[in-house]
Amino acid sequence: MKYAFVLGTNHSLCKVEIVNVLKNKNIKFEVMGASEEVLLLEIEGEVTLDINDFGSTAKIIKIIKEIDYEQLTKEEIIGRDLEDWVDPSIKNLTYGISIYNGGGKFKQLNELFYLSFKFSQKIKEELRSWGIKSGCLAIKERALSTVSVNMNLLKKGGREFVFISGQKNVWAGKTLSVQDYESYSKRDYGRPFRDDKSGMTPPKLAKMMVNLANQTQESFVIDPFCGSGTFLGEMLLLGFKKIWGSDISTKAVGDSKKNLDWLMEEFGIDKDNVDLQVEVEDATEISKKIGNKQVGAIVCEPYLGSSKLRSFNERRIENEIKYIEDLYIKSFVEFKKILKYDGKIVIIFPVINYKGKSFYLNILEKIKEMGFHQNGYCEKQDKLGLNLTKRKTIVYYRPKQTVSREIIIFSL
């Protein structure tokens, strides 16, 4: 079976997460194509893909047919296999059309969008031949948003037809599911305690990072900089049974506990089935609370710098970086004591942006000298078209941010 994954804002991080999730589920696949918009995979055997397993995948699309560019205006879209596209028993159908770039040339993509109006008419005629009355959502942009697809189509029994521009052909398919944006919004803005100065990691990013750790649900996973509990919450939702979190701030730990109680009640997680502990502790001393070589994965966002960085000059920024570097090194000393030899650290390093310059933490070599290895993000990484820094890392950023997040994976 062939599938397309419509990617979130940071396409590189989204792609490596998809690959890691599939690997962790023992799903075999081959990469057919990759762009900044979609990842195309051929998956071995019959599988059920749950979009809630992924942090930033916007849509999952089942590819039903491939069409040569020269045959686009001649070939039927639905053809004889109506059941592959829609429920044959329905009498009325509302549908929409989206066009994505799967690695084709810009000219081909534009031509495909131009043809989408003809595709709409052709689909309507083919559905009519099957006795189905239909109407198409107005084609205003190249792709429908997840909100529009969910509210106007999927929730009402409708269908999104998707056409993806490749280098040699067009993949045509239907959308199976879209991201549960309401759930993410609730976990981010609807939780009882939200600190605008700390604990601001988006739940989507937290889930992606937990998935990059490639652990089973029986693994012992921790966040020693838990803030408001975002990472711990995503660990719970992904089904981990043994979770430990800490923070040096008593307020943060109190907020975490209340947020996690709320999350477990809101999302129906049985407290009796989870060994969850959250404590006040300095990350540079956590080995006092956790036995040696016990932890399967450490997933965290440590201190990223002062909230007043915007007002700093370059010298003060350099001093702040030295302070952060010292904190990270001391933390890695503790991590080495508690991490299993096959364990993983998925961690955020700050990248401070100042007057066109980007200031990175200059401690990678020191961490390697401690016995850690900087890991690649996934298998088949070279086929994914990733946007990597010179340090072979992925940076998660938003325009005009003073501090971006560099995601790095380490192991012993």
Protein backbone atom coordinates (compact mmCIF):
# COMPACT_ATOMS: atom_id res chain seq x y z
CA MET A 1 0.00 0.00 0.00
CA LYS A 2 1.12 3.54 -0.73
CA TYR A 3 0.54 6.49 1.57
CA ALA A 4 1.33 10.19 1.67
CA PHE A 5 1.88 12.10 4.89
CA VAL A 6 1.19 15.83 4.70
CA LEU A 7 3.88 17.44 6.82
CA GLY A 8 3.74 20.05 9.54
CA THR A 9 5.65 23.34 9.65
CA ASN A 10 9.07 21.79 10.30
CA HIS A 11 9.10 19.23 7.50
CA SER A 12 12.45 17.71 8.50
CA LEU A 13 11.42 16.94 12.06
CA CYS A 14 8.07 15.68 10.87
CA LYS A 15 9.64 13.26 8.39
CA VAL A 16 12.12 11.75 10.83
CA GLU A 17 9.34 11.31 13.40
CA ILE A 18 7.19 9.38 10.90
CA VAL A 19 10.08 7.07 10.06
CA ASN A 20 10.83 6.44 13.75
CA VAL A 21 7.20 5.71 14.65
CA LEU A 22 6.87 3.20 11.82
CA LYS A 23 10.14 1.55 12.79
CA ASN A 24 9.04 1.31 16.41
CA LYS A 25 5.85 -0.41 15.26
CA ASN A 26 7.88 -2.85 13.10
CA ILE A 27 6.22 -1.55 9.93
CA LYS A 28 8.39 -2.07 6.86
CA PHE A 29 8.39 0.60 4.17
CA GLU A 30 10.27 2.21 1.31
CA VAL A 31 10.54 5.93 0.59
CA MET A 32 8.94 6.81 -2.77
CA GLY A 33 9.40 10.55 -2.55
CA ALA A 34 9.91 13.43 -0.16
CA SER A 35 9.43 17.16 -0.35
CA GLU A 36 8.83 19.99 2.09
CA GLU A 37 5.10 19.25 1.85
CA VAL A 38 4.68 15.48 1.78
CA LEU A 39 6.43 12.21 2.52
CA LEU A 40 5.44 9.35 0.20
CA LEU A 41 5.91 5.80 1.45
CA GLU A 42 5.17 2.33 0.15
CA ILE A 43 4.26 0.26 3.20
CA GLU A 44 4.49 -3.51 3.28
CA GLY A 45 1.23 -5.34 4.00
CA GLU A 46 -2.08 -4.11 5.39
CA VAL A 47 -1.63 -1.61 8.23
CA THR A 48 -3.79 0.80 10.17
CA LEU A 49 -2.18 4.22 10.54
CA ASP A 50 -3.33 6.32 13.49
CA ILE A 51 -2.58 10.00 12.97
CA ASN A 52 -2.62 10.49 16.75
CA ASP A 53 0.65 8.53 16.92
CA PHE A 54 2.38 11.47 15.24
CA GLY A 55 3.08 14.92 16.59
CA SER A 56 2.92 17.15 13.53
CA THR A 57 1.58 15.13 10.61
CA ALA A 58 -1.32 17.17 9.20
CA LYS A 59 -2.99 14.53 7.01
CA ILE A 60 -2.62 10.87 6.08
CA ILE A 61 -3.56 10.08 2.49
CA LYS A 62 -4.06 6.69 0.89
CA ILE A 63 -2.64 6.66 -2.64
CA ILE A 64 -5.02 4.86 -4.96
CA LYS A 65 -3.52 5.37 -8.41
CA GLU A 66 -0.64 6.90 -10.33
CA ILE A 67 -1.30 8.94 -13.46
CA ASP A 68 1.25 9.87 -16.08
CA TYR A 69 1.39 13.62 -16.72
CA GLU A 70 0.51 13.12 -20.38
CA GLN A 71 -2.64 11.19 -19.40
CA LEU A 72 -3.91 13.65 -16.80
CA THR A 73 -6.72 15.12 -18.87
CA LYS A 74 -7.59 11.82 -20.58
CA GLU A 75 -7.66 9.24 -17.82
CA GLU A 76 -10.61 8.72 -15.52
CA ILE A 77 -9.91 9.58 -11.89
CA ILE A 78 -12.30 7.24 -10.09
CA GLY A 79 -12.64 4.72 -12.90
CA ARG A 80 -14.22 1.34 -12.16
CA ASP A 81 -13.15 1.00 -8.54
CA LEU A 82 -15.60 3.32 -6.83
CA GLU A 83 -15.31 1.53 -3.48
CA ASP A 84 -11.62 2.54 -3.31
CA TRP A 85 -12.69 6.17 -3.24
CA VAL A 86 -16.11 6.43 -1.57
CA ASP A 87 -18.88 4.35 -0.05
CA PRO A 88 -20.88 3.07 -3.07
CA SER A 89 -24.15 3.10 -1.09
CA ILE A 90 -24.23 6.87 -0.55
CA LYS A 91 -26.53 9.06 -2.63
CA ASN A 92 -24.99 12.47 -1.98
CA LEU A 93 -21.36 13.50 -1.50
CA THR A 94 -19.55 16.74 -0.77
CA TYR A 95 -15.89 16.66 -1.75
CA GLY A 96 -12.88 18.90 -1.90
CA ILE A 97 -9.62 18.90 -3.84
CA SER A 98 -6.08 19.53 -2.62
CA ILE A 99 -2.85 19.69 -4.58
CA TYR A 100 0.58 19.02 -3.02
CA ASN A 101 4.16 19.08 -4.25
CA GLY A 102 5.71 15.62 -3.94
CA GLY A 103 9.02 16.52 -5.55
CA GLY A 104 7.94 17.62 -9.01
CA LYS A 105 8.96 20.82 -10.74
CA PHE A 106 7.26 24.11 -9.88
CA LYS A 107 5.81 24.33 -13.38
CA GLN A 108 4.21 20.89 -13.02
CA LEU A 109 2.72 21.89 -9.68
CA ASN A 110 1.16 25.02 -11.17
CA GLU A 111 -0.24 23.05 -14.08
CA LEU A 112 -1.71 20.53 -11.67
CA PHE A 113 -3.41 23.29 -9.68
CA TYR A 114 -4.80 24.76 -12.91
CA LEU A 115 -6.18 21.33 -13.83
CA SER A 116 -7.85 20.91 -10.42
CA PHE A 117 -10.92 22.74 -11.76
CA LYS A 118 -11.17 20.18 -14.57
CA PHE A 119 -10.58 17.37 -12.06
CA SER A 120 -13.52 18.64 -10.03
CA GLN A 121 -15.84 18.48 -13.04
CA LYS A 122 -14.54 15.06 -14.04
CA ILE A 123 -15.06 13.67 -10.53
CA LYS A 124 -18.61 15.05 -10.48
CA GLU A 125 -19.39 13.40 -13.81
CA GLU A 126 -17.92 10.06 -12.75
CA LEU A 127 -19.85 10.09 -9.48
CA ARG A 128 -23.03 10.90 -11.41
CA SER A 129 -22.47 7.83 -13.57
CA TRP A 130 -22.60 5.80 -10.34
CA GLY A 131 -25.84 7.47 -9.28
CA ILE A 132 -24.21 9.79 -6.73
CA LYS A 133 -25.06 13.50 -6.63
CA SER A 134 -22.10 15.61 -5.56
CA GLY A 135 -20.87 19.09 -4.89
CA CYS A 136 -17.33 20.43 -4.59
CA LEU A 137 -16.01 22.92 -2.06
CA ALA A 138 -14.89 26.12 -3.75
CA ILE A 139 -11.30 25.85 -5.00
CA LYS A 140 -9.61 28.97 -3.63
CA GLU A 141 -6.15 27.73 -2.72
CA ARG A 142 -3.95 24.82 -3.67
CA ALA A 143 -4.68 22.81 -0.52
CA LEU A 144 -7.52 22.68 1.97
CA SER A 145 -6.65 23.22 5.63
CA THR A 146 -7.03 20.42 8.15
CA VAL A 147 -9.80 22.42 9.84
CA SER A 148 -11.75 22.74 6.59
CA VAL A 149 -11.30 19.07 5.70
CA ASN A 150 -12.38 17.96 9.14
CA MET A 151 -15.35 20.30 9.61
CA ASN A 152 -16.70 20.46 6.05
CA LEU A 153 -15.88 16.97 4.77
CA LEU A 154 -14.78 14.14 7.08
CA LYS A 155 -17.21 14.92 9.92
CA LYS A 156 -20.07 15.07 7.41
CA GLY A 157 -19.24 11.94 5.45
CA GLY A 158 -17.48 13.86 2.69
CA ARG A 159 -14.22 13.15 0.91
CA GLU A 160 -11.01 15.02 0.12
CA PHE A 161 -9.43 14.00 -3.19
CA VAL A 162 -5.69 14.68 -3.22
CA PHE A 163 -3.30 15.01 -6.16
CA ILE A 164 0.44 15.02 -5.56
CA SER A 165 2.91 16.27 -8.14
CA GLY A 166 5.88 13.94 -8.56
CA GLN A 167 8.87 14.11 -10.89
CA LYS A 168 7.41 11.73 -13.48
CA ASN A 169 3.78 11.23 -12.52
CA VAL A 170 0.91 12.32 -10.31
CA TRP A 171 -0.24 10.33 -7.29
CA ALA A 172 -3.98 10.50 -6.68
CA GLY A 173 -5.66 9.44 -3.46
CA LYS A 174 -8.04 10.22 -0.63
CA THR A 175 -7.52 11.65 2.83
CA LEU A 176 -7.98 9.08 5.59
CA SER A 177 -7.51 11.35 8.62
CA VAL A 178 -6.38 14.80 9.70
CA GLN A 179 -4.55 16.04 12.78
CA ASP A 180 -6.62 16.41 15.95
CA TYR A 181 -5.89 20.12 16.25
CA GLU A 182 -8.56 20.58 18.93
CA SER A 183 -6.83 18.11 21.25
CA TYR A 184 -3.45 19.82 20.83
CA SER A 185 -5.01 23.20 21.50
CA LYS A 186 -6.68 21.87 24.65
CA ARG A 187 -3.39 20.39 25.92
CA ASP A 188 -1.57 23.65 25.23
CA TYR A 189 -4.02 26.42 26.11
CA GLY A 190 -6.74 24.57 28.00
CA ARG A 191 -4.69 23.05 30.81
CA PRO A 192 -5.12 24.57 34.27
CA PHE A 193 -1.60 26.02 34.64
CA ARG A 194 0.42 27.54 31.81
CA ASP A 195 3.59 29.53 32.51
CA ASP A 196 4.48 32.01 29.76
CA LYS A 197 8.07 32.18 30.99
CA SER A 198 8.81 28.46 31.20
CA GLY A 199 7.26 25.22 30.03
CA MET A 200 6.40 26.73 26.64
CA THR A 201 7.31 23.72 24.51
CA PRO A 202 4.40 23.05 22.11
CA PRO A 203 2.77 19.64 22.76
CA LYS A 204 3.33 18.70 19.10
CA LEU A 205 7.07 19.20 19.46
CA ALA A 206 7.13 17.34 22.77
CA LYS A 207 5.39 14.33 21.21
CA MET A 208 7.76 14.33 18.24
CA MET A 209 10.76 14.32 20.56
CA VAL A 210 9.38 11.48 22.68
CA ASN A 211 8.82 9.50 19.47
CA LEU A 212 12.43 10.14 18.40
CA ALA A 213 13.60 8.33 21.54
CA ASN A 214 12.35 5.04 20.01
CA GLN A 215 11.29 3.42 23.29
CA THR A 216 8.71 0.78 24.15
CA GLN A 217 5.89 1.65 26.53
CA GLU A 218 7.64 -0.37 29.25
CA SER A 219 10.73 1.86 29.15
CA PHE A 220 11.53 4.20 32.04
CA VAL A 221 11.32 7.72 30.58
CA ILE A 222 12.12 10.99 32.35
CA ASP A 223 12.14 14.77 31.98
CA PRO A 224 14.47 16.44 34.53
CA PHE A 225 13.39 19.96 33.43
CA CYS A 226 9.64 19.34 33.47
CA GLY A 227 8.35 22.92 33.77
CA SER A 228 4.56 22.73 33.42
CA GLY A 229 4.64 19.04 32.49
CA THR A 230 4.30 19.16 28.70
CA PHE A 231 6.75 16.32 27.97
CA LEU A 232 5.39 14.22 30.82
CA GLY A 233 1.87 14.66 29.47
CA GLU A 234 2.83 13.47 26.00
CA MET A 235 4.62 10.47 27.55
CA LEU A 236 1.36 9.59 29.32
CA LEU A 237 -0.70 9.95 26.14
CA LEU A 238 1.75 7.74 24.23
CA GLY A 239 1.16 4.98 26.79
CA PHE A 240 4.38 4.95 28.81
CA LYS A 241 3.91 3.23 32.15
CA LYS A 242 6.95 4.44 34.15
CA ILE A 243 7.54 8.20 34.05
CA TRP A 244 9.58 10.50 36.27
CA GLY A 245 9.85 14.26 36.12
CA SER A 246 11.58 16.94 38.13
CA ASP A 247 12.27 20.65 38.19
CA ILE A 248 14.29 22.92 40.44
CA SER A 249 11.23 25.16 40.81
CA THR A 250 8.68 24.19 43.46
CA LYS A 251 6.01 26.15 41.58
CA ALA A 252 6.77 24.31 38.33
CA VAL A 253 6.46 20.92 40.02
CA GLY A 254 3.16 21.96 41.61
CA ASP A 255 1.86 23.14 38.22
CA SER A 256 3.02 19.91 36.58
CA LYS A 257 1.20 17.73 39.07
CA LYS A 258 -2.05 19.65 38.65
CA ASN A 259 -1.75 19.67 34.85
CA LEU A 260 -1.05 15.93 34.75
CA ASP A 261 -3.99 15.17 37.04
CA TRP A 262 -6.19 17.24 34.71
CA LEU A 263 -4.81 15.51 31.60
CA MET A 264 -5.36 12.00 32.96
CA GLU A 265 -8.95 12.84 33.85
CA GLU A 266 -9.61 14.70 30.59
CA PHE A 267 -8.19 11.94 28.37
CA GLY A 268 -9.28 8.91 30.39
CA ILE A 269 -5.88 7.67 31.60
CA ASP A 270 -6.12 5.26 34.54
CA LYS A 271 -3.78 6.51 37.29
CA ASP A 272 -3.50 3.01 38.73
CA ASN A 273 -1.83 1.77 35.52
CA VAL A 274 0.93 4.39 35.55
CA ASP A 275 3.96 4.82 37.80
CA LEU A 276 4.24 8.61 37.60
CA GLN A 277 6.41 10.67 39.93
CA VAL A 278 7.18 14.40 39.83
CA GLU A 279 9.64 15.86 42.33
CA VAL A 280 11.50 19.05 43.17
CA GLU A 281 15.11 18.34 42.22
CA ASP A 282 18.09 20.04 40.59
CA ALA A 283 18.83 18.36 37.24
CA THR A 284 22.53 18.33 38.13
CA GLU A 285 21.80 16.06 41.12
CA ILE A 286 19.10 13.67 39.87
CA SER A 287 21.28 10.57 40.30
CA LYS A 288 20.50 10.89 44.02
CA LYS A 289 16.90 9.97 43.22
CA ILE A 290 17.36 7.58 40.29
CA GLY A 291 19.48 4.43 40.37
CA ASN A 292 22.40 3.95 38.01
CA LYS A 293 21.68 2.75 34.47
CA GLN A 294 17.91 2.64 34.99
CA VAL A 295 16.59 5.14 32.44
CA GLY A 296 15.62 4.21 28.88
CA ALA A 297 15.17 7.77 27.63
CA ILE A 298 15.67 11.35 28.77
CA VAL A 299 13.52 13.76 26.76
CA CYS A 300 13.65 17.38 27.78
CA GLU A 301 13.97 21.09 27.16
CA PRO A 302 16.41 22.56 29.71
CA TYR A 303 16.90 26.24 30.44
CA LEU A 304 17.10 28.13 27.12
CA GLY A 305 18.22 31.50 28.40
CA SER A 306 16.94 34.61 30.11
CA SER A 307 13.47 35.93 29.29
CA LYS A 308 15.19 39.31 28.77
CA LEU A 309 17.46 38.14 25.93
CA ARG A 310 15.89 40.61 23.51
CA SER A 311 17.42 43.47 25.48
CA PHE A 312 20.91 41.91 25.74
CA ASN A 313 23.92 43.09 23.77
CA GLU A 314 26.28 40.60 22.15
CA ARG A 315 28.64 40.39 25.11
CA ARG A 316 25.81 39.63 27.53
CA ILE A 317 24.51 36.98 25.14
CA GLU A 318 27.95 35.33 25.08
CA ASN A 319 28.02 35.32 28.88
CA GLU A 320 24.52 33.83 28.98
CA ILE A 321 25.60 31.09 26.60
CA LYS A 322 28.56 30.22 28.84
CA TYR A 323 26.19 29.90 31.79
CA ILE A 324 23.85 27.63 29.79
CA GLU A 325 26.75 25.51 28.55
CA ASP A 326 27.90 24.94 32.12
CA LEU A 327 24.39 23.84 33.15
CA TYR A 328 24.16 21.40 30.24
CA ILE A 329 27.58 19.84 30.91
CA LYS A 330 26.73 19.31 34.59
CA SER A 331 23.42 17.75 33.55
CA PHE A 332 25.12 15.35 31.12
CA VAL A 333 27.39 14.21 33.96
CA GLU A 334 24.23 13.09 35.75
CA PHE A 335 22.66 11.68 32.59
CA LYS A 336 25.64 9.37 32.12
CA LYS A 337 25.08 7.88 35.58
CA ILE A 338 21.40 7.04 35.10
CA LEU A 339 21.05 6.27 31.37
CA LYS A 340 21.10 2.68 30.15
CA TYR A 341 23.77 1.79 27.62
CA ASP A 342 21.13 1.43 24.90
CA GLY A 343 19.19 4.47 26.12
CA LYS A 344 18.60 7.77 24.32
CA ILE A 345 18.70 11.44 25.15
CA VAL A 346 16.50 13.68 23.00
CA ILE A 347 17.25 17.21 24.07
CA ILE A 348 16.79 20.81 22.99
CA PHE A 349 19.78 23.14 22.74
CA PRO A 350 19.01 26.86 22.44
CA VAL A 351 20.05 28.79 19.34
CA ILE A 352 20.06 32.50 20.16
CA ASN A 353 19.37 34.79 17.20
CA TYR A 354 20.86 38.27 17.43
CA LYS A 355 21.21 40.83 14.61
CA GLY A 356 21.48 38.21 11.89
CA LYS A 357 23.82 35.96 13.89
CA SER A 358 22.96 32.58 15.36
CA PHE A 359 24.73 31.60 18.59
CA TYR A 360 24.93 27.84 19.24
CA LEU A 361 26.11 25.99 22.33
CA ASN A 362 29.71 25.00 21.68
CA ILE A 363 29.72 21.83 23.79
CA LEU A 364 29.16 18.96 21.34
CA GLU A 365 32.79 17.84 21.49
CA LYS A 366 32.85 18.00 25.30
CA ILE A 367 29.75 15.81 25.44
CA LYS A 368 31.34 13.32 23.07
CA GLU A 369 34.48 13.27 25.21
CA MET A 370 32.24 12.20 28.10
CA GLY A 371 31.38 9.04 26.16
CA PHE A 372 28.19 10.11 24.40
CA HIS A 373 27.50 9.69 20.68
CA GLN A 374 25.53 12.17 18.60
CA ASN A 375 23.01 10.03 16.73
CA GLY A 376 21.43 10.45 13.34
CA TYR A 377 17.68 11.01 13.38
CA CYS A 378 16.53 7.86 11.63
CA GLU A 379 17.27 5.17 9.07
CA LYS A 380 17.10 6.12 5.38
CA GLN A 381 17.83 9.70 6.43
CA ASP A 382 19.56 10.50 3.14
CA LYS A 383 16.32 9.83 1.21
CA LEU A 384 14.21 12.31 3.15
CA GLY A 385 15.53 15.65 1.92
CA LEU A 386 16.19 16.97 5.41
CA ASN A 387 17.17 20.55 6.15
CA LEU A 388 20.18 20.06 8.46
CA THR A 389 22.63 22.52 9.99
CA LYS A 390 26.41 22.17 9.60
CA ARG A 391 26.24 20.34 12.95
CA LYS A 392 23.92 17.77 11.26
CA THR A 393 21.05 18.88 13.46
CA ILE A 394 17.47 20.01 12.95
CA VAL A 395 16.44 23.42 14.25
CA TYR A 396 12.82 24.05 15.18
CA TYR A 397 12.08 27.74 14.82
CA ARG A 398 9.41 30.30 14.16
CA PRO A 399 9.93 33.61 12.35
CA LYS A 400 11.26 36.45 14.53
CA GLN A 401 12.01 34.14 17.46
CA THR A 402 14.92 35.24 19.64
CA VAL A 403 15.58 31.63 20.65
CA SER A 404 15.20 28.68 18.29
CA ARG A 405 15.33 25.04 19.39
CA GLU A 406 18.04 22.70 18.14
CA ILE A 407 16.93 19.09 18.59
CA ILE A 408 19.79 16.62 19.15
CA ILE A 409 19.81 12.89 19.92
CA PHE A 410 22.55 11.31 22.03
CA SER A 411 23.30 7.78 23.22
CA LEU A 412 26.06 6.12 25.20
